[in-house]
Amino acid sequence: MLYDCKEKYVPLSKEIEHLKNYTQLSELQIENRGIVDFKTGITGSGYRIAPLILTVFVENAFKHSTASQSEDIFISVDITVSENGLLEFKCANSFRRETNTDNLSHGIGLQNVKKRLRLIYPRAHNLTIYETDTSYSVKLSIDLKKGSV
């Protein structure tokens, strides 16, 4: 993965494989304290994506859920790609605002990924972030055909 992150684009299948492996490894730390759901649905193949662009959201989901909760953890990752190359990425996680998440670093990874999205996928992405007192969710769509031309 270290070599891949130097490339401008990597195969989407490889990026999803990395995310799935990261999710499975992080799920081991949760043990019986919650549920992790990882789904993919890809129609078509050969798509490429900027490396590690999705990883920040999944890392944050695990970091904030496990730091703020000792039970009832929920993390969901759903990635689909349509035949026309539209990637839909959804990542949601539970957390408790009143716990120890104040000690975690805030925003640098998220700020960097927003900047990367603007630079790599100008007018070809849409990022929406929702936050409540008990959950955090990200919806990102990327037109992979426009970004990797």
Protein backbone atom coordinates (compact mmCIF):
# COMPACT_ATOMS: atom_id res chain seq x y z
CA MET A 1 0.00 0.00 0.00
CA LEU A 2 2.90 2.35 0.67
CA TYR A 3 4.03 2.05 -2.94
CA ASP A 4 0.48 2.44 -4.24
CA CYS A 5 -0.15 5.68 -2.36
CA LYS A 6 2.56 7.34 -4.47
CA GLU A 7 0.51 6.69 -7.61
CA LYS A 8 -2.11 9.18 -8.74
CA TYR A 9 -4.69 6.40 -9.23
CA VAL A 10 -4.89 2.74 -8.20
CA PRO A 11 -7.32 0.02 -9.26
CA LEU A 12 -10.58 0.40 -7.36
CA SER A 13 -10.60 -3.33 -6.64
CA LYS A 14 -7.25 -2.99 -4.86
CA GLU A 15 -8.44 0.01 -2.84
CA ILE A 16 -11.58 -1.84 -1.75
CA GLU A 17 -9.52 -4.90 -0.83
CA HIS A 18 -7.32 -2.68 1.35
CA LEU A 19 -10.40 -1.16 3.04
CA LYS A 20 -11.90 -4.58 3.65
CA ASN A 21 -8.65 -5.84 5.19
CA TYR A 22 -8.38 -2.75 7.38
CA THR A 23 -11.99 -3.17 8.48
CA GLN A 24 -11.52 -6.84 9.33
CA LEU A 25 -8.37 -6.10 11.33
CA SER A 26 -10.00 -3.23 13.22
CA GLU A 27 -13.08 -5.36 13.87
CA LEU A 28 -10.90 -7.72 15.91
CA GLN A 29 -10.33 -4.91 18.42
CA ILE A 30 -14.06 -4.48 18.93
CA GLU A 31 -14.53 -8.17 19.78
CA ASN A 32 -18.07 -8.61 21.14
CA ARG A 33 -18.71 -4.94 21.82
CA GLY A 34 -20.58 -4.19 18.62
CA ILE A 35 -21.32 -4.79 14.96
CA VAL A 36 -19.27 -4.01 11.87
CA ASP A 37 -20.96 -4.24 8.48
CA PHE A 38 -18.96 -3.99 5.23
CA LYS A 39 -20.76 -4.26 1.87
CA THR A 40 -19.69 -3.74 -1.70
CA GLY A 41 -21.58 -3.86 -4.95
CA ILE A 42 -19.62 -3.09 -8.08
CA THR A 43 -21.05 -3.17 -11.57
CA GLY A 44 -18.40 -2.91 -14.23
CA SER A 45 -14.67 -3.14 -13.79
CA GLY A 46 -11.43 -1.41 -14.57
CA TYR A 47 -12.20 1.68 -12.53
CA ARG A 48 -9.40 3.53 -10.79
CA ILE A 49 -9.45 5.81 -7.75
CA ALA A 50 -7.06 8.09 -5.91
CA PRO A 51 -5.34 5.96 -3.26
CA LEU A 52 -6.43 6.17 0.38
CA ILE A 53 -9.21 8.66 -0.41
CA LEU A 54 -11.81 6.49 1.37
CA THR A 55 -9.55 5.19 4.12
CA VAL A 56 -9.71 8.36 6.23
CA PHE A 57 -13.45 7.95 6.74
CA VAL A 58 -13.19 4.30 7.79
CA GLU A 59 -10.25 4.99 10.10
CA ASN A 60 -12.18 7.83 11.75
CA ALA A 61 -15.25 5.62 12.19
CA PHE A 62 -13.25 3.06 14.14
CA LYS A 63 -11.24 5.65 16.06
CA HIS A 64 -14.23 7.63 17.29
CA SER A 65 -16.51 4.64 17.94
CA THR A 66 -14.00 2.65 19.94
CA ALA A 67 -12.73 5.70 21.87
CA SER A 68 -16.19 6.77 22.96
CA GLN A 69 -17.95 3.46 23.55
CA SER A 70 -17.26 0.30 25.45
CA GLU A 71 -20.36 -1.43 24.05
CA ASP A 72 -23.05 -1.06 21.36
CA ILE A 73 -20.50 -0.01 18.73
CA PHE A 74 -21.89 0.13 15.22
CA ILE A 75 -19.85 0.76 12.08
CA SER A 76 -21.21 0.41 8.56
CA VAL A 77 -19.35 0.75 5.27
CA ASP A 78 -21.21 0.46 1.97
CA ILE A 79 -19.50 0.93 -1.40
CA THR A 80 -21.26 0.66 -4.74
CA VAL A 81 -20.21 1.54 -8.26
CA SER A 82 -22.70 1.76 -11.10
CA GLU A 83 -22.04 0.78 -14.70
CA ASN A 84 -21.51 4.43 -15.60
CA GLY A 85 -18.68 4.76 -13.06
CA LEU A 86 -20.46 6.54 -10.23
CA LEU A 87 -19.00 5.47 -6.89
CA GLU A 88 -21.30 5.79 -3.89
CA PHE A 89 -19.49 5.46 -0.56
CA LYS A 90 -21.34 5.49 2.75
CA CYS A 91 -19.72 5.15 6.13
CA ALA A 92 -21.60 5.48 9.39
CA ASN A 93 -20.62 4.94 12.98
CA SER A 94 -22.01 5.31 16.44
CA PHE A 95 -20.29 7.38 19.10
CA ARG A 96 -21.02 9.08 22.36
CA ARG A 97 -20.23 12.76 22.47
CA GLU A 98 -19.95 12.92 26.27
CA THR A 99 -17.02 10.50 26.53
CA ASN A 100 -13.30 10.65 25.92
CA THR A 101 -13.32 11.71 22.24
CA ASP A 102 -12.14 15.19 23.28
CA ASN A 103 -8.67 13.71 23.66
CA LEU A 104 -8.57 12.57 20.03
CA SER A 105 -7.04 14.65 17.28
CA HIS A 106 -9.63 16.44 15.18
CA GLY A 107 -9.86 17.36 11.56
CA ILE A 108 -6.44 17.06 9.93
CA GLY A 109 -7.26 13.85 8.07
CA LEU A 110 -10.70 15.13 7.17
CA GLN A 111 -9.33 18.49 6.02
CA ASN A 112 -6.72 16.74 3.87
CA VAL A 113 -9.22 14.41 2.22
CA LYS A 114 -11.54 17.35 1.41
CA LYS A 115 -8.63 19.17 -0.20
CA ARG A 116 -7.60 16.07 -2.15
CA LEU A 117 -11.15 15.60 -3.39
CA ARG A 118 -11.28 19.21 -4.63
CA LEU A 119 -7.94 18.83 -6.41
CA ILE A 120 -8.35 15.34 -7.88
CA TYR A 121 -12.11 15.28 -8.54
CA PRO A 122 -13.14 18.89 -9.20
CA ARG A 123 -16.84 19.04 -10.13
CA ALA A 124 -16.85 15.23 -10.04
CA HIS A 125 -17.61 14.53 -6.38
CA ASN A 126 -20.12 15.31 -3.67
CA LEU A 127 -19.31 14.91 0.03
CA THR A 128 -21.97 15.18 2.73
CA ILE A 129 -21.30 14.68 6.43
CA TYR A 130 -24.06 14.26 9.00
CA GLU A 131 -23.50 14.33 12.73
CA THR A 132 -25.92 13.80 15.59
CA ASP A 133 -25.35 13.27 19.30
CA THR A 134 -24.99 9.51 18.75
CA SER A 135 -23.89 8.99 15.14
CA TYR A 136 -21.66 10.25 12.40
CA SER A 137 -22.17 9.45 8.73
CA VAL A 138 -20.42 10.27 5.50
CA LYS A 139 -21.83 10.06 2.00
CA LEU A 140 -19.40 10.51 -0.85
CA SER A 141 -20.09 10.16 -4.53
CA ILE A 142 -17.32 10.29 -7.11
CA ASP A 143 -17.64 10.16 -10.87
CA LEU A 144 -14.68 7.86 -11.47
CA LYS A 145 -14.78 8.46 -15.23
CA LYS A 146 -14.21 12.20 -14.80
CA GLY A 147 -11.50 11.93 -12.20
CA SER A 148 -9.19 9.41 -13.80
CA VAL A 149 -9.14 10.69 -17.36
